[in-house]
Amino acid sequence: MLVRDWMTPDPITVLPDTPVMDALKILKERGFRRLPVMQGGQLVGITTRKDLKDAVPNKATTLSVWELNYLLSKLTVAEMMARPVITASEGEYMEDAALRMQEHAVGGLPVIGEFGQLCGIITITDVLRAFTNIMGLREGGKRLTLDMPDVPGSLARATQAIQPSNIISVATYHKDTEAGRRRFVMRVTGEGVRDVRARVRDAGIDVLD
């Protein structure tokens, strides 16, 4: 599952000298939260709706309307954009991009193509779409959470017990489990799905839900 499969291609961009109010207007009209900033064909920054709104003087300011309008007309994206820009590559795995977002506490990454060009943007929303797809949530069936020894052969044992039902997704984690154990989250469909939990339990496997 690669970034290119889930990113929004050809994102709307702005220039460093774009007025802040113009950038805010673009974000509002298009329903976006962030805008890559380009100059001379190169990605030089990124700005978000929050950053731009924070730049607008508060209504409680003592400045006159004329002074406010003057300041806003002079305020540009260059003064508010983040740089250097944390990016993703279109050919990298989604989980690597998601981890980078988490590590840097950002909600989106511009995506750089094979030849260094800006080709898309990937956001937390895209990560969530990918996650729900991986978990097979729209494909129906039943969800199983199995608690098993963290040893070779555990997954094969579970797969054997689930037959003749069809496994359409598998995920695994070990957080909050006992040492030496791992949890497998599966979604199964097809023949025998009604009794799949009973079959798995009969095979001596702990079924948590």
Protein backbone atom coordinates (compact mmCIF):
# COMPACT_ATOMS: atom_id res chain seq x y z
CA MET A 1 0.00 0.00 0.00
CA LEU A 2 1.86 3.02 -1.32
CA VAL A 3 1.40 6.74 -0.76
CA ARG A 4 0.58 7.28 -4.44
CA ASP A 5 -2.48 5.05 -4.05
CA TRP A 6 -4.06 7.24 -1.35
CA MET A 7 -2.75 10.78 -1.82
CA THR A 8 -4.70 13.67 -3.31
CA PRO A 9 -2.91 14.31 -6.62
CA ASP A 10 -2.03 17.72 -8.05
CA PRO A 11 -2.76 19.80 -4.94
CA ILE A 12 -3.63 23.48 -5.11
CA THR A 13 -0.57 25.58 -4.27
CA VAL A 14 0.25 29.21 -3.52
CA LEU A 15 3.28 31.45 -3.93
CA PRO A 16 5.28 32.92 -1.04
CA ASP A 17 3.99 36.40 -1.91
CA THR A 18 0.33 35.32 -1.93
CA PRO A 19 -1.57 37.52 0.56
CA VAL A 20 -2.72 35.68 3.65
CA MET A 21 -6.36 36.64 3.02
CA ASP A 22 -6.22 35.18 -0.50
CA ALA A 23 -4.78 31.92 0.85
CA LEU A 24 -7.52 31.73 3.48
CA LYS A 25 -10.12 32.27 0.78
CA ILE A 26 -8.71 29.37 -1.26
CA LEU A 27 -8.78 27.08 1.77
CA LYS A 28 -12.36 28.01 2.60
CA GLU A 29 -13.65 27.63 -0.95
CA ARG A 30 -11.89 24.32 -1.58
CA GLY A 31 -12.41 22.83 1.89
CA PHE A 32 -8.69 22.21 2.44
CA ARG A 33 -6.64 22.60 5.61
CA ARG A 34 -3.18 23.17 4.14
CA LEU A 35 -1.49 24.61 1.07
CA PRO A 36 1.98 23.77 -0.27
CA VAL A 37 3.98 26.88 -1.15
CA MET A 38 5.85 26.81 -4.46
CA GLN A 39 8.46 29.10 -5.97
CA GLY A 40 10.23 28.53 -9.26
CA GLY A 41 8.80 25.03 -9.49
CA GLN A 42 10.23 24.09 -6.09
CA LEU A 43 8.44 23.33 -2.84
CA VAL A 44 9.61 25.98 -0.37
CA GLY A 45 7.07 25.73 2.44
CA ILE A 46 3.63 24.71 3.62
CA THR A 47 0.95 26.72 5.35
CA THR A 48 -2.18 25.66 7.22
CA ARG A 49 -5.55 27.21 7.87
CA LYS A 50 -4.68 27.55 11.57
CA ASP A 51 -1.38 29.30 10.85
CA LEU A 52 -3.07 31.78 8.55
CA LYS A 53 -5.96 32.46 10.90
CA ASP A 54 -3.54 33.04 13.77
CA ALA A 55 -1.87 35.71 11.65
CA VAL A 56 -5.09 37.73 11.31
CA PRO A 57 -5.38 40.39 14.04
CA ASN A 58 -8.02 39.74 16.66
CA LYS A 59 -11.25 41.75 16.49
CA ALA A 60 -10.46 43.11 19.94
CA THR A 61 -7.36 44.91 18.65
CA THR A 62 -7.08 48.67 19.15
CA LEU A 63 -6.10 49.14 15.50
CA SER A 64 -8.47 51.05 13.25
CA VAL A 65 -10.21 49.41 10.30
CA TRP A 66 -7.85 51.25 7.95
CA GLU A 67 -4.80 50.01 9.86
CA LEU A 68 -6.15 46.44 9.92
CA ASN A 69 -6.80 46.41 6.18
CA TYR A 70 -3.35 47.84 5.54
CA LEU A 71 -1.63 45.20 7.67
CA LEU A 72 -3.61 42.36 6.10
CA SER A 73 -2.83 43.56 2.59
CA LYS A 74 0.89 43.44 3.39
CA LEU A 75 0.88 40.07 5.20
CA THR A 76 1.97 37.24 2.91
CA VAL A 77 2.15 33.47 3.09
CA ALA A 78 5.96 33.68 3.24
CA GLU A 79 5.71 35.13 6.73
CA MET A 80 3.52 32.30 8.03
CA MET A 81 4.65 29.18 6.17
CA ALA A 82 6.54 26.33 7.82
CA ARG A 83 9.98 25.43 6.48
CA PRO A 84 11.84 23.25 5.85
CA VAL A 85 8.98 21.06 4.70
CA ILE A 86 8.53 17.49 5.91
CA THR A 87 7.51 15.44 2.89
CA ALA A 88 6.59 11.96 1.73
CA SER A 89 7.66 10.13 -1.42
CA GLU A 90 4.98 8.81 -3.76
CA GLY A 91 6.60 5.36 -3.84
CA GLU A 92 6.98 4.86 -0.09
CA TYR A 93 4.73 2.79 2.13
CA MET A 94 1.73 4.45 3.77
CA GLU A 95 2.83 3.30 7.22
CA ASP A 96 6.17 5.09 6.84
CA ALA A 97 4.42 8.34 5.93
CA ALA A 98 1.96 7.90 8.82
CA LEU A 99 4.82 7.36 11.26
CA ARG A 100 6.51 10.54 10.03
CA MET A 101 3.30 12.50 10.61
CA GLN A 102 3.13 11.11 14.13
CA GLU A 103 6.77 11.82 14.90
CA HIS A 104 6.55 15.42 13.69
CA ALA A 105 2.98 16.06 14.94
CA VAL A 106 1.71 17.22 11.53
CA GLY A 107 -1.59 16.44 9.85
CA GLY A 108 -0.37 16.24 6.26
CA LEU A 109 2.68 15.85 4.05
CA PRO A 110 3.34 17.14 0.54
CA VAL A 111 4.23 14.21 -1.71
CA ILE A 112 7.32 14.36 -3.90
CA GLY A 113 7.51 12.41 -7.15
CA GLU A 114 10.29 10.45 -8.78
CA PHE A 115 11.87 13.52 -10.34
CA GLY A 116 11.56 15.81 -7.33
CA GLN A 117 8.29 17.41 -8.41
CA LEU A 118 5.31 18.04 -6.12
CA CYS A 119 2.73 15.46 -7.17
CA GLY A 120 0.29 15.22 -4.29
CA ILE A 121 -0.52 15.63 -0.62
CA ILE A 122 -1.25 12.93 1.97
CA THR A 123 -3.21 13.70 5.13
CA ILE A 124 -4.46 12.05 8.30
CA THR A 125 -7.81 11.59 6.56
CA ASP A 126 -6.09 9.56 3.83
CA VAL A 127 -4.33 7.45 6.47
CA LEU A 128 -7.70 6.70 8.09
CA ARG A 129 -9.18 5.75 4.69
CA ALA A 130 -6.30 3.36 4.14
CA PHE A 131 -6.67 1.90 7.65
CA THR A 132 -10.38 1.17 7.29
CA ASN A 133 -9.69 -0.37 3.88
CA ILE A 134 -7.00 -2.64 5.31
CA MET A 135 -9.36 -3.74 8.08
CA GLY A 136 -12.05 -4.61 5.52
CA LEU A 137 -14.75 -2.62 7.30
CA ARG A 138 -16.86 -2.10 4.18
CA GLU A 139 -16.79 -5.77 3.18
CA GLY A 140 -19.05 -7.11 5.90
CA GLY A 141 -18.40 -10.44 7.54
CA LYS A 142 -17.32 -10.96 11.15
CA ARG A 143 -14.45 -9.50 13.12
CA LEU A 144 -12.39 -11.77 15.36
CA THR A 145 -9.76 -10.80 17.94
CA LEU A 146 -7.58 -13.77 18.83
CA ASP A 147 -5.08 -13.92 21.70
CA MET A 148 -2.30 -16.34 20.79
CA PRO A 149 1.31 -17.24 21.61
CA ASP A 150 3.79 -15.00 19.80
CA VAL A 151 5.55 -17.90 18.09
CA PRO A 152 5.94 -19.17 14.52
CA GLY A 153 2.89 -21.10 13.39
CA SER A 154 0.25 -19.23 15.40
CA LEU A 155 -1.25 -17.53 12.36
CA ALA A 156 -1.25 -20.80 10.40
CA ARG A 157 -3.09 -22.48 13.27
CA ALA A 158 -5.74 -19.77 13.31
CA THR A 159 -6.11 -19.89 9.53
CA GLN A 160 -6.70 -23.63 9.65
CA ALA A 161 -9.38 -23.24 12.33
CA ILE A 162 -11.19 -20.49 10.39
CA GLN A 163 -11.64 -22.59 7.24
CA PRO A 164 -13.86 -22.84 5.23
CA SER A 165 -14.53 -19.16 5.90
CA ASN A 166 -12.43 -16.67 3.95
CA ILE A 167 -10.03 -14.29 5.69
CA ILE A 168 -10.18 -10.87 4.00
CA SER A 169 -8.00 -8.89 6.42
CA VAL A 170 -5.43 -9.56 9.14
CA ALA A 171 -3.76 -7.19 11.59
CA THR A 172 -1.63 -7.93 14.63
CA TYR A 173 -0.44 -6.07 17.71
CA HIS A 174 1.08 -6.75 21.11
CA LYS A 175 0.22 -3.66 23.19
CA ASP A 176 -1.26 -4.48 26.62
CA THR A 177 -0.86 -8.22 26.05
CA GLU A 178 1.00 -10.66 28.24
CA ALA A 179 4.65 -11.28 27.51
CA GLY A 180 5.06 -13.86 24.79
CA ARG A 181 1.56 -13.37 23.39
CA ARG A 182 0.14 -11.45 20.45
CA ARG A 183 -3.33 -10.45 19.31
CA PHE A 184 -4.59 -11.07 15.79
CA VAL A 185 -7.52 -9.07 14.44
CA MET A 186 -9.19 -10.74 11.49
CA ARG A 187 -12.26 -10.15 9.35
CA VAL A 188 -13.78 -13.23 7.76
CA THR A 189 -16.59 -13.77 5.25
CA GLY A 190 -18.14 -16.56 3.25
CA GLU A 191 -19.02 -20.13 4.07
CA GLY A 192 -19.33 -21.07 7.72
CA VAL A 193 -18.92 -17.54 9.02
CA ARG A 194 -21.86 -17.90 11.40
CA ASP A 195 -20.04 -20.56 13.44
CA VAL A 196 -16.47 -19.34 12.96
CA ARG A 197 -15.98 -18.26 16.57
CA ALA A 198 -17.01 -21.68 17.85
CA ARG A 199 -14.63 -23.44 15.45
CA VAL A 200 -11.73 -21.27 16.53
CA ARG A 201 -12.47 -21.81 20.23
CA ASP A 202 -12.74 -25.57 19.63
CA ALA A 203 -9.21 -25.40 18.23
CA GLY A 204 -8.02 -24.14 21.64
CA ILE A 205 -7.56 -20.51 20.57
CA ASP A 206 -8.67 -17.66 22.84
CA VAL A 207 -11.31 -15.54 21.06
CA LEU A 208 -11.70 -12.15 22.75
CA ASP A 209 -14.53 -10.87 20.55
